[in-house]
């Protein structure tokens, strides 16, 4: 994933009077998105709705199971809270069209 568009977007957030905590959280969220895309060989400019749904599922896995080498039992709680997943999706959706 290209770093320059992410840096421009984060600068845009900071310039737009977003709190430093929001900017830091979005930076972590976009890093997670980048790790997910890279691990699947996906290009950030051509992702589909299915790719985003896969990201949500990936976020819910414990970090040690995200590489697909470990199966997770259905009884295991989700790793990411719904509020965190929603914030990560907000970072992605508000980023579309910014910093390109």
PDB file of N, CA and C in Angstrom:
ATOM      1  N   UNK A   1       0.851  -1.182   0.000  1.00  0.00           N
ATOM      2  CA  UNK A   1       0.000   0.000   0.000  1.00  0.00           C
ATOM      3  C   UNK A   1       0.889   1.234   0.000  1.00  0.00           C
ATOM      4  N   UNK A   2       0.527   2.195  -0.787  1.00  0.00           N
ATOM      5  CA  UNK A   2       1.305   3.421  -0.898  1.00  0.00           C
ATOM      6  C   UNK A   2       1.228   4.216   0.403  1.00  0.00           C
ATOM      7  N   UNK A   3       2.367   4.663   0.889  1.00  0.00           N
ATOM      8  CA  UNK A   3       2.434   5.392   2.145  1.00  0.00           C
ATOM      9  C   UNK A   3       2.093   6.870   1.950  1.00  0.00           C
ATOM     10  N   UNK A   4       2.502   7.456   0.832  1.00  0.00           N
ATOM     11  CA  UNK A   4       2.293   8.895   0.604  1.00  0.00           C
ATOM     12  C   UNK A   4       0.821   9.302   0.716  1.00  0.00           C
ATOM     13  N   UNK A   5      -0.132   8.560   0.108  1.00  0.00           N
ATOM     14  CA  UNK A   5      -1.533   8.961   0.267  1.00  0.00           C
ATOM     15  C   UNK A   5      -2.008   8.903   1.716  1.00  0.00           C
ATOM     16  N   UNK A   6      -1.511   7.940   2.463  1.00  0.00           N
ATOM     17  CA  UNK A   6      -1.890   7.832   3.879  1.00  0.00           C
ATOM     18  C   UNK A   6      -1.339   9.025   4.650  1.00  0.00           C
ATOM     19  N   UNK A   7      -0.091   9.360   4.391  1.00  0.00           N
ATOM     20  CA  UNK A   7       0.509  10.504   5.084  1.00  0.00           C
ATOM     21  C   UNK A   7      -0.237  11.797   4.756  1.00  0.00           C
ATOM     22  N   UNK A   8      -0.615  11.974   3.484  1.00  0.00           N
ATOM     23  CA  UNK A   8      -1.370  13.174   3.108  1.00  0.00           C
ATOM     24  C   UNK A   8      -2.721  13.201   3.811  1.00  0.00           C
ATOM     25  N   UNK A   9      -3.365  12.052   3.881  1.00  0.00           N
ATOM     26  CA  UNK A   9      -4.667  11.983   4.539  1.00  0.00           C
ATOM     27  C   UNK A   9      -4.554  12.308   6.028  1.00  0.00           C
ATOM     28  N   UNK A  10      -3.563  11.746   6.691  1.00  0.00           N
ATOM     29  CA  UNK A  10      -3.376  12.016   8.122  1.00  0.00           C
ATOM     30  C   UNK A  10      -3.033  13.485   8.359  1.00  0.00           C
ATOM     31  N   UNK A  11      -2.250  14.071   7.458  1.00  0.00           N
ATOM     32  CA  UNK A  11      -1.954  15.504   7.565  1.00  0.00           C
ATOM     33  C   UNK A  11      -3.235  16.312   7.380  1.00  0.00           C
ATOM     34  N   UNK A  12      -4.075  15.872   6.456  1.00  0.00           N
ATOM     35  CA  UNK A  12      -5.368  16.531   6.227  1.00  0.00           C
ATOM     36  C   UNK A  12      -6.225  16.484   7.502  1.00  0.00           C
ATOM     37  N   UNK A  13      -6.238  15.337   8.166  1.00  0.00           N
ATOM     38  CA  UNK A  13      -7.002  15.214   9.413  1.00  0.00           C
ATOM     39  C   UNK A  13      -6.463  16.161  10.480  1.00  0.00           C
ATOM     40  N   UNK A  14      -5.146  16.176  10.629  1.00  0.00           N
ATOM     41  CA  UNK A  14      -4.533  17.030  11.648  1.00  0.00           C
ATOM     42  C   UNK A  14      -4.784  18.502  11.334  1.00  0.00           C
ATOM     43  N   UNK A  15      -4.718  18.856  10.083  1.00  0.00           N
ATOM     44  CA  UNK A  15      -4.958  20.230   9.639  1.00  0.00           C
ATOM     45  C   UNK A  15      -6.423  20.581   9.815  1.00  0.00           C
ATOM     46  N   UNK A  16      -7.294  19.594   9.704  1.00  0.00           N
ATOM     47  CA  UNK A  16      -8.732  19.812   9.847  1.00  0.00           C
ATOM     48  C   UNK A  16      -9.190  19.827  11.286  1.00  0.00           C
ATOM     49  N   UNK A  17      -8.271  20.013  12.196  1.00  0.00           N
ATOM     50  CA  UNK A  17      -8.560  20.164  13.618  1.00  0.00           C
ATOM     51  C   UNK A  17      -9.109  18.896  14.275  1.00  0.00           C
ATOM     52  N   UNK A  18      -8.744  17.746  13.736  1.00  0.00           N
ATOM     53  CA  UNK A  18      -9.061  16.493  14.431  1.00  0.00           C
ATOM     54  C   UNK A  18      -8.119  16.372  15.620  1.00  0.00           C
ATOM     55  N   UNK A  19      -8.579  15.713  16.650  1.00  0.00           N
ATOM     56  CA  UNK A  19      -7.727  15.570  17.832  1.00  0.00           C
ATOM     57  C   UNK A  19      -6.527  14.675  17.502  1.00  0.00           C
ATOM     58  N   UNK A  20      -5.405  14.885  18.201  1.00  0.00           N
ATOM     59  CA  UNK A  20      -4.239  14.021  17.978  1.00  0.00           C
ATOM     60  C   UNK A  20      -4.565  12.546  18.216  1.00  0.00           C
ATOM     61  N   UNK A  21      -5.454  12.266  19.175  1.00  0.00           N
ATOM     62  CA  UNK A  21      -5.828  10.872  19.430  1.00  0.00           C
ATOM     63  C   UNK A  21      -6.577  10.270  18.252  1.00  0.00           C
ATOM     64  N   UNK A  22      -7.429  11.058  17.610  1.00  0.00           N
ATOM     65  CA  UNK A  22      -8.154  10.569  16.429  1.00  0.00           C
ATOM     66  C   UNK A  22      -7.176  10.288  15.299  1.00  0.00           C
ATOM     67  N   UNK A  23      -6.246  11.185  15.082  1.00  0.00           N
ATOM     68  CA  UNK A  23      -5.254  10.998  14.017  1.00  0.00           C
ATOM     69  C   UNK A  23      -4.424   9.748  14.288  1.00  0.00           C
ATOM     70  N   UNK A  24      -3.991   9.546  15.531  1.00  0.00           N
ATOM     71  CA  UNK A  24      -3.223   8.349  15.887  1.00  0.00           C
ATOM     72  C   UNK A  24      -4.045   7.083  15.679  1.00  0.00           C
ATOM     73  N   UNK A  25      -5.310   7.116  16.085  1.00  0.00           N
ATOM     74  CA  UNK A  25      -6.179   5.947  15.926  1.00  0.00           C
ATOM     75  C   UNK A  25      -6.368   5.621  14.440  1.00  0.00           C
ATOM     76  N   UNK A  26      -6.608   6.640  13.630  1.00  0.00           N
ATOM     77  CA  UNK A  26      -6.773   6.417  12.189  1.00  0.00           C
ATOM     78  C   UNK A  26      -5.479   5.884  11.576  1.00  0.00           C
ATOM     79  N   UNK A  27      -4.336   6.353  12.047  1.00  0.00           N
ATOM     80  CA  UNK A  27      -3.050   5.846  11.547  1.00  0.00           C
ATOM     81  C   UNK A  27      -2.930   4.348  11.838  1.00  0.00           C
ATOM     82  N   UNK A  28      -3.284   3.939  13.051  1.00  0.00           N
ATOM     83  CA  UNK A  28      -3.257   2.502  13.393  1.00  0.00           C
ATOM     84  C   UNK A  28      -4.255   1.731  12.546  1.00  0.00           C
ATOM     85  N   UNK A  29      -5.437   2.304  12.343  1.00  0.00           N
ATOM     86  CA  UNK A  29      -6.475   1.636  11.565  1.00  0.00           C
ATOM     87  C   UNK A  29      -6.029   1.434  10.121  1.00  0.00           C
ATOM     88  N   UNK A  30      -5.401   2.443   9.544  1.00  0.00           N
ATOM     89  CA  UNK A  30      -4.935   2.330   8.167  1.00  0.00           C
ATOM     90  C   UNK A  30      -3.748   1.380   8.060  1.00  0.00           C
ATOM     91  N   UNK A  31      -2.957   1.285   9.129  1.00  0.00           N
ATOM     92  CA  UNK A  31      -1.876   0.289   9.148  1.00  0.00           C
ATOM     93  C   UNK A  31      -2.478  -1.113   9.125  1.00  0.00           C
ATOM     94  N   UNK A  32      -3.514  -1.350   9.920  1.00  0.00           N
ATOM     95  CA  UNK A  32      -4.187  -2.658   9.904  1.00  0.00           C
ATOM     96  C   UNK A  32      -4.715  -2.975   8.511  1.00  0.00           C
ATOM     97  N   UNK A  33      -5.340  -1.994   7.870  1.00  0.00           N
ATOM     98  CA  UNK A  33      -5.870  -2.170   6.519  1.00  0.00           C
ATOM     99  C   UNK A  33      -4.737  -2.534   5.554  1.00  0.00           C
ATOM    100  N   UNK A  34      -3.603  -1.845   5.678  1.00  0.00           N
ATOM    101  CA  UNK A  34      -2.453  -2.115   4.821  1.00  0.00           C
ATOM    102  C   UNK A  34      -1.921  -3.531   5.030  1.00  0.00           C
ATOM    103  N   UNK A  35      -1.823  -3.950   6.288  1.00  0.00           N
ATOM    104  CA  UNK A  35      -1.347  -5.306   6.596  1.00  0.00           C
ATOM    105  C   UNK A  35      -2.302  -6.337   5.997  1.00  0.00           C
ATOM    106  N   UNK A  36      -3.602  -6.099   6.141  1.00  0.00           N
ATOM    107  CA  UNK A  36      -4.596  -7.013   5.584  1.00  0.00           C
ATOM    108  C   UNK A  36      -4.463  -7.104   4.062  1.00  0.00           C
ATOM    109  N   UNK A  37      -4.389  -5.974   3.403  1.00  0.00           N
ATOM    110  CA  UNK A  37      -4.305  -5.966   1.938  1.00  0.00           C
ATOM    111  C   UNK A  37      -3.023  -6.627   1.453  1.00  0.00           C
ATOM    112  N   UNK A  38      -1.910  -6.296   2.086  1.00  0.00           N
ATOM    113  CA  UNK A  38      -0.625  -6.865   1.699  1.00  0.00           C
ATOM    114  C   UNK A  38      -0.620  -8.377   1.872  1.00  0.00           C
ATOM    115  N   UNK A  39      -1.185  -8.844   2.973  1.00  0.00           N
ATOM    116  CA  UNK A  39      -1.234 -10.280   3.238  1.00  0.00           C
ATOM    117  C   UNK A  39      -2.060 -11.062   2.231  1.00  0.00           C
ATOM    118  N   UNK A  40      -2.930 -10.369   1.530  1.00  0.00           N
ATOM    119  CA  UNK A  40      -3.783 -11.018   0.529  1.00  0.00           C
ATOM    120  C   UNK A  40      -3.426 -10.626  -0.896  1.00  0.00           C
ATOM    121  N   UNK A  41      -2.372  -9.845  -1.029  1.00  0.00           N
ATOM    122  CA  UNK A  41      -1.933  -9.429  -2.356  1.00  0.00           C
ATOM    123  C   UNK A  41      -2.929  -8.518  -3.066  1.00  0.00           C
ATOM    124  N   UNK A  42      -3.662  -7.710  -2.282  1.00  0.00           N
ATOM    125  CA  UNK A  42      -4.676  -6.825  -2.850  1.00  0.00           C
ATOM    126  C   UNK A  42      -4.129  -5.414  -3.033  1.00  0.00           C
ATOM    127  N   UNK A  43      -4.608  -4.742  -4.076  1.00  0.00           N
ATOM    128  CA  UNK A  43      -4.245  -3.349  -4.346  1.00  0.00           C
ATOM    129  C   UNK A  43      -5.292  -2.447  -3.706  1.00  0.00           C
ATOM    130  N   UNK A  44      -4.862  -1.493  -2.900  1.00  0.00           N
ATOM    131  CA  UNK A  44      -5.788  -0.628  -2.168  1.00  0.00           C
ATOM    132  C   UNK A  44      -6.676   0.196  -3.095  1.00  0.00           C
ATOM    133  N   UNK A  45      -6.268   0.395  -4.336  1.00  0.00           N
ATOM    134  CA  UNK A  45      -7.057   1.208  -5.257  1.00  0.00           C
ATOM    135  C   UNK A  45      -8.154   0.424  -5.970  1.00  0.00           C
ATOM    136  N   UNK A  46      -8.166  -0.885  -5.792  1.00  0.00           N
ATOM    137  CA  UNK A  46      -9.176  -1.681  -6.495  1.00  0.00           C
ATOM    138  C   UNK A  46      -9.874  -2.694  -5.591  1.00  0.00           C
ATOM    139  N   UNK A  47     -10.012  -2.350  -4.317  1.00  0.00           N
ATOM    140  CA  UNK A  47     -10.678  -3.270  -3.399  1.00  0.00           C
ATOM    141  C   UNK A  47     -12.186  -3.286  -3.660  1.00  0.00           C
ATOM    142  N   UNK A  48     -12.797  -4.371  -3.252  1.00  0.00           N
ATOM    143  CA  UNK A  48     -14.235  -4.547  -3.413  1.00  0.00           C
ATOM    144  C   UNK A  48     -14.905  -4.544  -2.045  1.00  0.00           C
ATOM    145  N   UNK A  49     -16.210  -4.509  -2.071  1.00  0.00           N
ATOM    146  CA  UNK A  49     -16.975  -4.606  -0.828  1.00  0.00           C
ATOM    147  C   UNK A  49     -16.666  -5.926  -0.115  1.00  0.00           C
ATOM    148  N   UNK A  50     -16.449  -6.976  -0.889  1.00  0.00           N
ATOM    149  CA  UNK A  50     -16.105  -8.274  -0.300  1.00  0.00           C
ATOM    150  C   UNK A  50     -14.765  -8.213   0.424  1.00  0.00           C
ATOM    151  N   UNK A  51     -13.818  -7.430  -0.124  1.00  0.00           N
ATOM    152  CA  UNK A  51     -12.522  -7.265   0.538  1.00  0.00           C
ATOM    153  C   UNK A  51     -12.694  -6.565   1.881  1.00  0.00           C
ATOM    154  N   UNK A  52     -13.562  -5.563   1.928  1.00  0.00           N
ATOM    155  CA  UNK A  52     -13.822  -4.846   3.181  1.00  0.00           C
ATOM    156  C   UNK A  52     -14.489  -5.785   4.187  1.00  0.00           C
ATOM    157  N   UNK A  53     -15.415  -6.604   3.717  1.00  0.00           N
ATOM    158  CA  UNK A  53     -16.059  -7.585   4.609  1.00  0.00           C
ATOM    159  C   UNK A  53     -15.023  -8.576   5.134  1.00  0.00           C
ATOM    160  N   UNK A  54     -14.092  -8.980   4.283  1.00  0.00           N
ATOM    161  CA  UNK A  54     -13.016  -9.873   4.723  1.00  0.00           C
ATOM    162  C   UNK A  54     -12.149  -9.218   5.779  1.00  0.00           C
ATOM    163  N   UNK A  55     -11.909  -7.915   5.637  1.00  0.00           N
ATOM    164  CA  UNK A  55     -11.140  -7.157   6.615  1.00  0.00           C
ATOM    165  C   UNK A  55     -11.835  -7.173   7.971  1.00  0.00           C
ATOM    166  N   UNK A  56     -13.143  -6.988   7.968  1.00  0.00           N
ATOM    167  CA  UNK A  56     -13.907  -7.011   9.225  1.00  0.00           C
ATOM    168  C   UNK A  56     -13.760  -8.379   9.892  1.00  0.00           C
ATOM    169  N   UNK A  57     -13.895  -9.432   9.121  1.00  0.00           N
ATOM    170  CA  UNK A  57     -13.703 -10.774   9.684  1.00  0.00           C
ATOM    171  C   UNK A  57     -12.302 -10.971  10.220  1.00  0.00           C
ATOM    172  N   UNK A  58     -11.325 -10.464   9.496  1.00  0.00           N
ATOM    173  CA  UNK A  58      -9.921 -10.561   9.900  1.00  0.00           C
ATOM    174  C   UNK A  58      -9.673  -9.817  11.209  1.00  0.00           C
ATOM    175  N   UNK A  59     -10.291  -8.649  11.361  1.00  0.00           N
ATOM    176  CA  UNK A  59     -10.134  -7.869  12.594  1.00  0.00           C
ATOM    177  C   UNK A  59     -10.664  -8.612  13.808  1.00  0.00           C
ATOM    178  N   UNK A  60     -11.684  -9.399  13.601  1.00  0.00           N
ATOM    179  CA  UNK A  60     -12.305 -10.112  14.718  1.00  0.00           C
ATOM    180  C   UNK A  60     -11.480 -11.303  15.186  1.00  0.00           C
ATOM    181  N   UNK A  61     -10.532 -11.731  14.362  1.00  0.00           N
ATOM    182  CA  UNK A  61      -9.661 -12.841  14.745  1.00  0.00           C
ATOM    183  C   UNK A  61      -8.606 -12.384  15.742  1.00  0.00           C
ATOM    184  N   UNK A  62      -8.171 -13.286  16.623  1.00  0.00           N
ATOM    185  CA  UNK A  62      -7.020 -12.949  17.467  1.00  0.00           C
ATOM    186  C   UNK A  62      -5.811 -12.703  16.557  1.00  0.00           C
ATOM    187  N   UNK A  63      -4.936 -11.763  16.900  1.00  0.00           N
ATOM    188  CA  UNK A  63      -3.798 -11.447  16.026  1.00  0.00           C
ATOM    189  C   UNK A  63      -2.981 -12.661  15.598  1.00  0.00           C
ATOM    190  N   UNK A  64      -2.806 -13.628  16.484  1.00  0.00           N
ATOM    191  CA  UNK A  64      -1.991 -14.796  16.144  1.00  0.00           C
ATOM    192  C   UNK A  64      -2.670 -15.712  15.121  1.00  0.00           C
ATOM    193  N   UNK A  65      -3.942 -15.483  14.847  1.00  0.00           N
ATOM    194  CA  UNK A  65      -4.664 -16.314  13.881  1.00  0.00           C
ATOM    195  C   UNK A  65      -4.901 -15.594  12.552  1.00  0.00           C
ATOM    196  N   UNK A  66      -4.459 -14.363  12.447  1.00  0.00           N
ATOM    197  CA  UNK A  66      -4.755 -13.561  11.259  1.00  0.00           C
ATOM    198  C   UNK A  66      -3.986 -13.991  10.015  1.00  0.00           C
ATOM    199  N   UNK A  67      -2.924 -14.762  10.184  1.00  0.00           N
ATOM    200  CA  UNK A  67      -2.176 -15.204   9.004  1.00  0.00           C
ATOM    201  C   UNK A  67      -2.800 -16.440   8.369  1.00  0.00           C
ATOM    202  N   UNK A  68      -3.863 -16.960   8.973  1.00  0.00           N
ATOM    203  CA  UNK A  68      -4.574 -18.105   8.409  1.00  0.00           C
ATOM    204  C   UNK A  68      -3.963 -19.456   8.716  1.00  0.00           C
ATOM    205  N   UNK A  69      -2.919 -19.488   9.507  1.00  0.00           N
ATOM    206  CA  UNK A  69      -2.242 -20.747   9.826  1.00  0.00           C
ATOM    207  C   UNK A  69      -2.829 -21.430  11.050  1.00  0.00           C
ATOM    208  N   UNK A  70      -3.673 -20.712  11.783  1.00  0.00           N
ATOM    209  CA  UNK A  70      -4.285 -21.250  12.994  1.00  0.00           C
ATOM    210  C   UNK A  70      -5.796 -21.119  12.863  1.00  0.00           C
ATOM    211  N   UNK A  71      -6.502 -22.176  13.123  1.00  0.00           N
ATOM    212  CA  UNK A  71      -7.965 -22.143  13.116  1.00  0.00           C
ATOM    213  C   UNK A  71      -8.465 -21.614  14.453  1.00  0.00           C
ATOM    214  N   UNK A  72      -9.542 -20.857  14.409  1.00  0.00           N
ATOM    215  CA  UNK A  72     -10.130 -20.294  15.620  1.00  0.00           C
ATOM    216  C   UNK A  72     -11.469 -20.968  15.843  1.00  0.00           C
ATOM    217  N   UNK A  73     -11.670 -21.447  17.064  1.00  0.00           N
ATOM    218  CA  UNK A  73     -12.929 -22.090  17.400  1.00  0.00           C
ATOM    219  C   UNK A  73     -14.055 -21.061  17.447  1.00  0.00           C
ATOM    220  N   UNK A  74     -15.255 -21.447  17.049  1.00  0.00           N
ATOM    221  CA  UNK A  74     -16.379 -20.505  17.056  1.00  0.00           C
ATOM    222  C   UNK A  74     -16.669 -19.898  18.426  1.00  0.00           C
ATOM    223  N   UNK A  75     -16.299 -20.588  19.495  1.00  0.00           N
ATOM    224  CA  UNK A  75     -16.587 -20.108  20.850  1.00  0.00           C
ATOM    225  C   UNK A  75     -15.655 -18.970  21.284  1.00  0.00           C
ATOM    226  N   UNK A  76     -14.579 -18.724  20.523  1.00  0.00           N
ATOM    227  CA  UNK A  76     -13.634 -17.671  20.883  1.00  0.00           C
ATOM    228  C   UNK A  76     -14.272 -16.312  20.630  1.00  0.00           C
ATOM    229  N   UNK A  77     -14.167 -15.436  21.625  1.00  0.00           N
ATOM    230  CA  UNK A  77     -14.714 -14.080  21.481  1.00  0.00           C
ATOM    231  C   UNK A  77     -13.984 -13.325  20.386  1.00  0.00           C
ATOM    232  N   UNK A  78     -14.683 -12.360  19.792  1.00  0.00           N
ATOM    233  CA  UNK A  78     -14.062 -11.505  18.794  1.00  0.00           C
ATOM    234  C   UNK A  78     -12.937 -10.710  19.431  1.00  0.00           C
ATOM    235  N   UNK A  79     -11.881 -10.510  18.670  1.00  0.00           N
ATOM    236  CA  UNK A  79     -10.739  -9.755  19.193  1.00  0.00           C
ATOM    237  C   UNK A  79     -11.037  -8.257  19.250  1.00  0.00           C
ATOM    238  N   UNK A  80     -11.677  -7.739  18.220  1.00  0.00           N
ATOM    239  CA  UNK A  80     -11.964  -6.301  18.114  1.00  0.00           C
ATOM    240  C   UNK A  80     -13.411  -6.040  18.509  1.00  0.00           C
ATOM    241  N   UNK A  81     -13.616  -5.063  19.351  1.00  0.00           N
ATOM    242  CA  UNK A  81     -14.970  -4.663  19.714  1.00  0.00           C
ATOM    243  C   UNK A  81     -15.648  -4.027  18.503  1.00  0.00           C
ATOM    244  N   UNK A  82     -16.960  -4.066  18.484  1.00  0.00           N
ATOM    245  CA  UNK A  82     -17.704  -3.471  17.373  1.00  0.00           C
ATOM    246  C   UNK A  82     -17.379  -1.996  17.208  1.00  0.00           C
ATOM    247  N   UNK A  83     -17.183  -1.291  18.318  1.00  0.00           N
ATOM    248  CA  UNK A  83     -16.851   0.132  18.226  1.00  0.00           C
ATOM    249  C   UNK A  83     -15.507   0.339  17.525  1.00  0.00           C
ATOM    250  N   UNK A  84     -14.550  -0.543  17.786  1.00  0.00           N
ATOM    251  CA  UNK A  84     -13.246  -0.446  17.119  1.00  0.00           C
ATOM    252  C   UNK A  84     -13.368  -0.770  15.635  1.00  0.00           C
ATOM    253  N   UNK A  85     -14.135  -1.793  15.320  1.00  0.00           N
ATOM    254  CA  UNK A  85     -14.353  -2.149  13.912  1.00  0.00           C
ATOM    255  C   UNK A  85     -15.010  -0.974  13.191  1.00  0.00           C
ATOM    256  N   UNK A  86     -16.009  -0.368  13.818  1.00  0.00           N
ATOM    257  CA  UNK A  86     -16.696   0.771  13.200  1.00  0.00           C
ATOM    258  C   UNK A  86     -15.756   1.954  12.983  1.00  0.00           C
ATOM    259  N   UNK A  87     -14.865   2.210  13.941  1.00  0.00           N
ATOM    260  CA  UNK A  87     -13.906   3.304  13.774  1.00  0.00           C
ATOM    261  C   UNK A  87     -12.948   3.006  12.626  1.00  0.00           C
ATOM    262  N   UNK A  88     -12.495   1.747  12.530  1.00  0.00           N
ATOM    263  CA  UNK A  88     -11.591   1.362  11.442  1.00  0.00           C
ATOM    264  C   UNK A  88     -12.282   1.519  10.085  1.00  0.00           C
ATOM    265  N   UNK A  89     -13.544   1.156  10.025  1.00  0.00           N
ATOM    266  CA  UNK A  89     -14.295   1.330   8.774  1.00  0.00           C
ATOM    267  C   UNK A  89     -14.493   2.815   8.465  1.00  0.00           C
ATOM    268  N   UNK A  90     -14.673   3.617   9.499  1.00  0.00           N
ATOM    269  CA  UNK A  90     -14.794   5.066   9.290  1.00  0.00           C
ATOM    270  C   UNK A  90     -13.486   5.627   8.735  1.00  0.00           C
ATOM    271  N   UNK A  91     -12.364   5.127   9.225  1.00  0.00           N
ATOM    272  CA  UNK A  91     -11.058   5.583   8.708  1.00  0.00           C
ATOM    273  C   UNK A  91     -10.941   5.253   7.227  1.00  0.00           C
ATOM    274  N   UNK A  92     -11.422   4.090   6.835  1.00  0.00           N
ATOM    275  CA  UNK A  92     -11.357   3.698   5.418  1.00  0.00           C
ATOM    276  C   UNK A  92     -12.326   4.494   4.574  1.00  0.00           C
ATOM    277  N   UNK A  93     -13.542   4.627   5.035  1.00  0.00           N
ATOM    278  CA  UNK A  93     -14.560   5.263   4.204  1.00  0.00           C
ATOM    279  C   UNK A  93     -14.351   6.770   4.099  1.00  0.00           C
ATOM    280  N   UNK A  94     -13.855   7.392   5.141  1.00  0.00           N
ATOM    281  CA  UNK A  94     -13.631   8.827   5.054  1.00  0.00           C
ATOM    282  C   UNK A  94     -12.366   9.126   4.270  1.00  0.00           C
ATOM    283  N   UNK A  95     -11.489   8.137   4.114  1.00  0.00           N
ATOM    284  CA  UNK A  95     -10.257   8.290   3.374  1.00  0.00           C
ATOM    285  C   UNK A  95     -10.487   8.262   1.872  1.00  0.00           C
ATOM    286  N   UNK A  96     -11.542   7.598   1.429  1.00  0.00           N
ATOM    287  CA  UNK A  96     -11.813   7.506  -0.011  1.00  0.00           C
ATOM    288  C   UNK A  96     -11.932   8.898  -0.606  1.00  0.00           C
ATOM    289  N   UNK A  97     -11.154   9.136  -1.632  1.00  0.00           N
ATOM    290  CA  UNK A  97     -11.183  10.424  -2.291  1.00  0.00           C
ATOM    291  C   UNK A  97     -10.247  11.454  -1.684  1.00  0.00           C
ATOM    292  N   UNK A  98      -9.729  11.198  -0.491  1.00  0.00           N
ATOM    293  CA  UNK A  98      -8.803  12.128   0.158  1.00  0.00           C
ATOM    294  C   UNK A  98      -7.367  11.712  -0.183  1.00  0.00           C
ATOM    295  N   UNK A  99      -6.516  12.646  -0.308  1.00  0.00           N
ATOM    296  CA  UNK A  99      -5.087  12.366  -0.429  1.00  0.00           C
ATOM    297  C   UNK A  99      -4.689  11.613  -1.666  1.00  0.00           C
ATOM    298  N   UNK A 100      -5.504  11.584  -2.707  1.00  0.00           N
ATOM    299  CA  UNK A 100      -5.128  10.845  -3.909  1.00  0.00           C
ATOM    300  C   UNK A 100      -4.397  11.734  -4.861  1.00  0.00           C
TER     301      UNK A 100
END
